[in-house]
Protein backbone atom coordinates (compact mmCIF):
# COMPACT_ATOMS: atom_id res chain seq x y z
CA MET A 1 8.43 -24.92 -0.66
CA ASP A 2 9.08 -26.32 2.53
CA ALA A 3 5.43 -26.38 4.78
CA SER A 4 7.49 -25.12 7.73
CA VAL A 5 8.19 -21.84 5.77
CA THR A 6 4.57 -21.39 4.54
CA ASN A 7 3.23 -21.39 8.03
CA THR A 8 5.96 -19.13 9.62
CA PHE A 9 4.15 -16.01 8.69
CA SER A 10 0.60 -14.63 10.24
CA GLU A 11 -2.16 -12.67 9.08
CA SER A 12 -1.71 -10.43 12.01
CA GLU A 13 1.51 -9.66 10.61
CA ILE A 14 0.15 -8.14 7.27
CA GLU A 15 -2.56 -6.31 9.20
CA ARG A 16 0.05 -4.53 11.50
CA MET A 17 2.24 -3.86 8.60
CA GLU A 18 -0.89 -2.41 6.69
CA ASP A 19 -1.55 -0.35 9.54
CA LEU A 20 1.66 0.53 9.78
CA ARG A 21 2.32 1.90 6.06
CA TYR A 22 -1.42 3.87 5.64
CA THR A 23 -0.33 5.54 9.30
CA ALA A 24 2.95 6.75 7.66
CA MET A 25 1.22 7.79 4.70
CA LEU A 26 -1.42 9.99 6.32
CA ASN A 27 1.37 11.30 8.49
CA LYS A 28 4.09 11.70 5.68
CA ASP A 29 6.17 9.54 8.14
CA LEU A 30 9.35 9.24 5.55
CA GLU A 31 11.40 7.11 8.17
CA THR A 32 8.69 4.51 8.19
CA LEU A 33 8.16 4.39 4.94
CA ASN A 34 11.47 3.91 3.99
CA ARG A 35 11.64 0.76 6.05
CA VAL A 36 8.62 -0.67 4.56
CA LEU A 37 8.59 -0.12 1.00
CA HIS A 38 10.82 -2.12 -0.74
CA ASN A 39 13.51 -0.66 -3.06
CA LYS A 40 11.71 -2.22 -5.89
CA LEU A 41 8.50 -1.24 -5.10
CA LEU A 42 5.92 -0.56 -8.16
CA TYR A 43 2.84 1.17 -7.04
CA LEU A 44 0.15 1.35 -9.59
CA HIS A 45 -2.41 4.14 -9.02
CA SER A 46 -5.85 4.06 -9.98
CA SER A 47 -5.11 7.15 -12.46
CA GLY A 48 -2.80 4.90 -14.28
CA ASP A 49 0.00 6.78 -12.81
CA LYS A 50 3.10 4.62 -11.88
CA HIS A 51 5.48 5.09 -8.86
CA THR A 52 8.57 3.56 -7.64
CA LYS A 53 10.09 3.63 -4.02
CA ALA A 54 11.97 6.76 -4.88
CA SER A 55 9.29 8.86 -6.63
CA TYR A 56 6.80 7.58 -3.98
CA VAL A 57 8.54 9.35 -1.52
CA ALA A 58 9.44 12.20 -3.72
CA GLY A 59 5.77 12.88 -4.50
CA LEU A 60 4.91 12.84 -0.64
CA THR A 61 8.06 15.00 0.35
CA GLY A 62 7.28 17.74 -2.25
CA ASN A 63 3.53 17.71 -1.59
CA GLU A 64 2.59 16.48 -5.67
CA PHE A 65 0.07 14.22 -3.07
CA GLY A 66 -0.92 14.55 0.41
CA TYR A 67 -3.15 12.21 2.10
CA ARG A 68 -6.18 13.65 4.52
CA ARG A 69 -8.25 10.43 4.52
CA ILE A 70 -7.84 6.87 3.99
CA GLU A 71 -10.37 4.42 4.85
CA ARG A 72 -10.13 0.84 3.97
CA SER A 73 -12.97 -1.98 4.23
CA ASN A 74 -13.31 -5.96 3.09
CA GLN A 75 -9.71 -6.21 3.68
CA THR A 76 -8.87 -10.18 3.21
CA ILE A 77 -5.00 -11.48 3.43
CA THR A 78 -3.52 -14.34 1.40
CA LEU A 79 -0.20 -15.81 2.75
CA GLN A 80 2.00 -18.08 0.56
CA GLY A 81 5.61 -18.41 2.06
CA PRO A 82 7.49 -15.03 2.10
CA VAL A 83 4.55 -13.61 -0.08
CA ALA A 84 1.28 -11.73 1.22
CA LEU A 85 -1.50 -10.58 -1.00
CA VAL A 86 -3.62 -7.92 0.79
CA PHE A 87 -7.05 -7.28 -1.23
CA ASN A 88 -9.22 -4.14 -0.05
CA PHE A 89 -11.59 -1.28 -0.60
CA LEU A 90 -10.17 2.02 -0.40
CA SER A 91 -11.94 5.26 0.13
CA ILE A 92 -9.42 7.98 0.09
CA SER A 93 -9.55 11.85 0.26
CA LEU A 94 -6.24 13.76 -1.15
CA ASN A 95 -4.70 16.64 -2.00
CA LEU A 96 -3.08 16.23 -5.63
CA ASN A 97 -1.06 19.02 -7.52
CA GLY A 98 -2.99 20.98 -4.22
CA LYS A 99 -6.70 20.08 -5.55
CA PRO A 100 -8.81 18.03 -3.27
CA ILE A 101 -9.90 14.36 -4.77
CA GLU A 102 -11.97 11.72 -3.36
CA LEU A 103 -11.11 8.01 -4.48
CA ARG A 104 -12.91 4.90 -4.08
CA SER A 105 -11.23 2.25 -5.38
CA ARG A 106 -10.48 -1.89 -5.38
CA ALA A 107 -6.58 -2.52 -4.40
CA ILE A 108 -4.17 -5.33 -4.06
CA ALA A 109 -0.65 -4.93 -1.98
CA VAL A 110 1.93 -7.26 -2.57
CA TRP A 111 4.24 -7.75 0.88
CA LEU A 112 7.64 -9.90 0.58
CA HIS A 113 9.71 -10.76 3.25
CA ASP A 114 13.08 -10.27 2.31
CA ASN A 115 16.35 -9.98 4.57
CA GLY A 116 14.11 -10.24 7.97
CA SER A 117 11.64 -8.18 7.14
CA TRP A 118 8.18 -7.70 5.49
CA GLN A 119 8.27 -5.03 2.89
CA LEU A 120 5.82 -3.89 0.55
CA ILE A 121 7.07 -4.70 -3.06
CA ALA A 122 3.74 -3.90 -5.23
CA VAL A 123 0.07 -1.95 -5.18
CA GLN A 124 -2.40 -2.29 -7.91
CA SER A 125 -5.45 0.03 -7.20
CA SER A 126 -8.31 0.35 -9.94
CA ALA A 127 -11.44 2.56 -9.40
CA ASP A 128 -13.85 1.05 -7.96
CA PRO A 129 -16.88 0.36 -10.63
CA SER A 130 -19.78 2.01 -8.36
CA SER A 131 -17.76 5.14 -8.13
CA LEU A 132 -17.72 5.57 -11.99
CA LYS A 133 -21.68 5.53 -12.23
């Protein structure tokens, strides 16, 4: 890959996209989510549940789940050309099918710069081992 392509993007762009995404999740901002989620999104939750872009947006719209609080920590970003990997710890309060849930997990988010903008194409979340004790 051409070195000029590798150095075109910055971590601050990805941090901004992550902030935008999490704010949209909390506020059920479907317009923003439809813009930042890639059409081929695959979202694997720590529960083992899997969502595509369509099913994730439908879950938010239909109140299958609703986020009350999302806190991120220990975030690291790795950029390689048009791909960004974001690793972090998450502490999340949400309603899942009307039931309040507290989660602590580790996650990787994969962003792809496609058609002139960054879009989230994959998320893999797993339970934080300290929360399983």
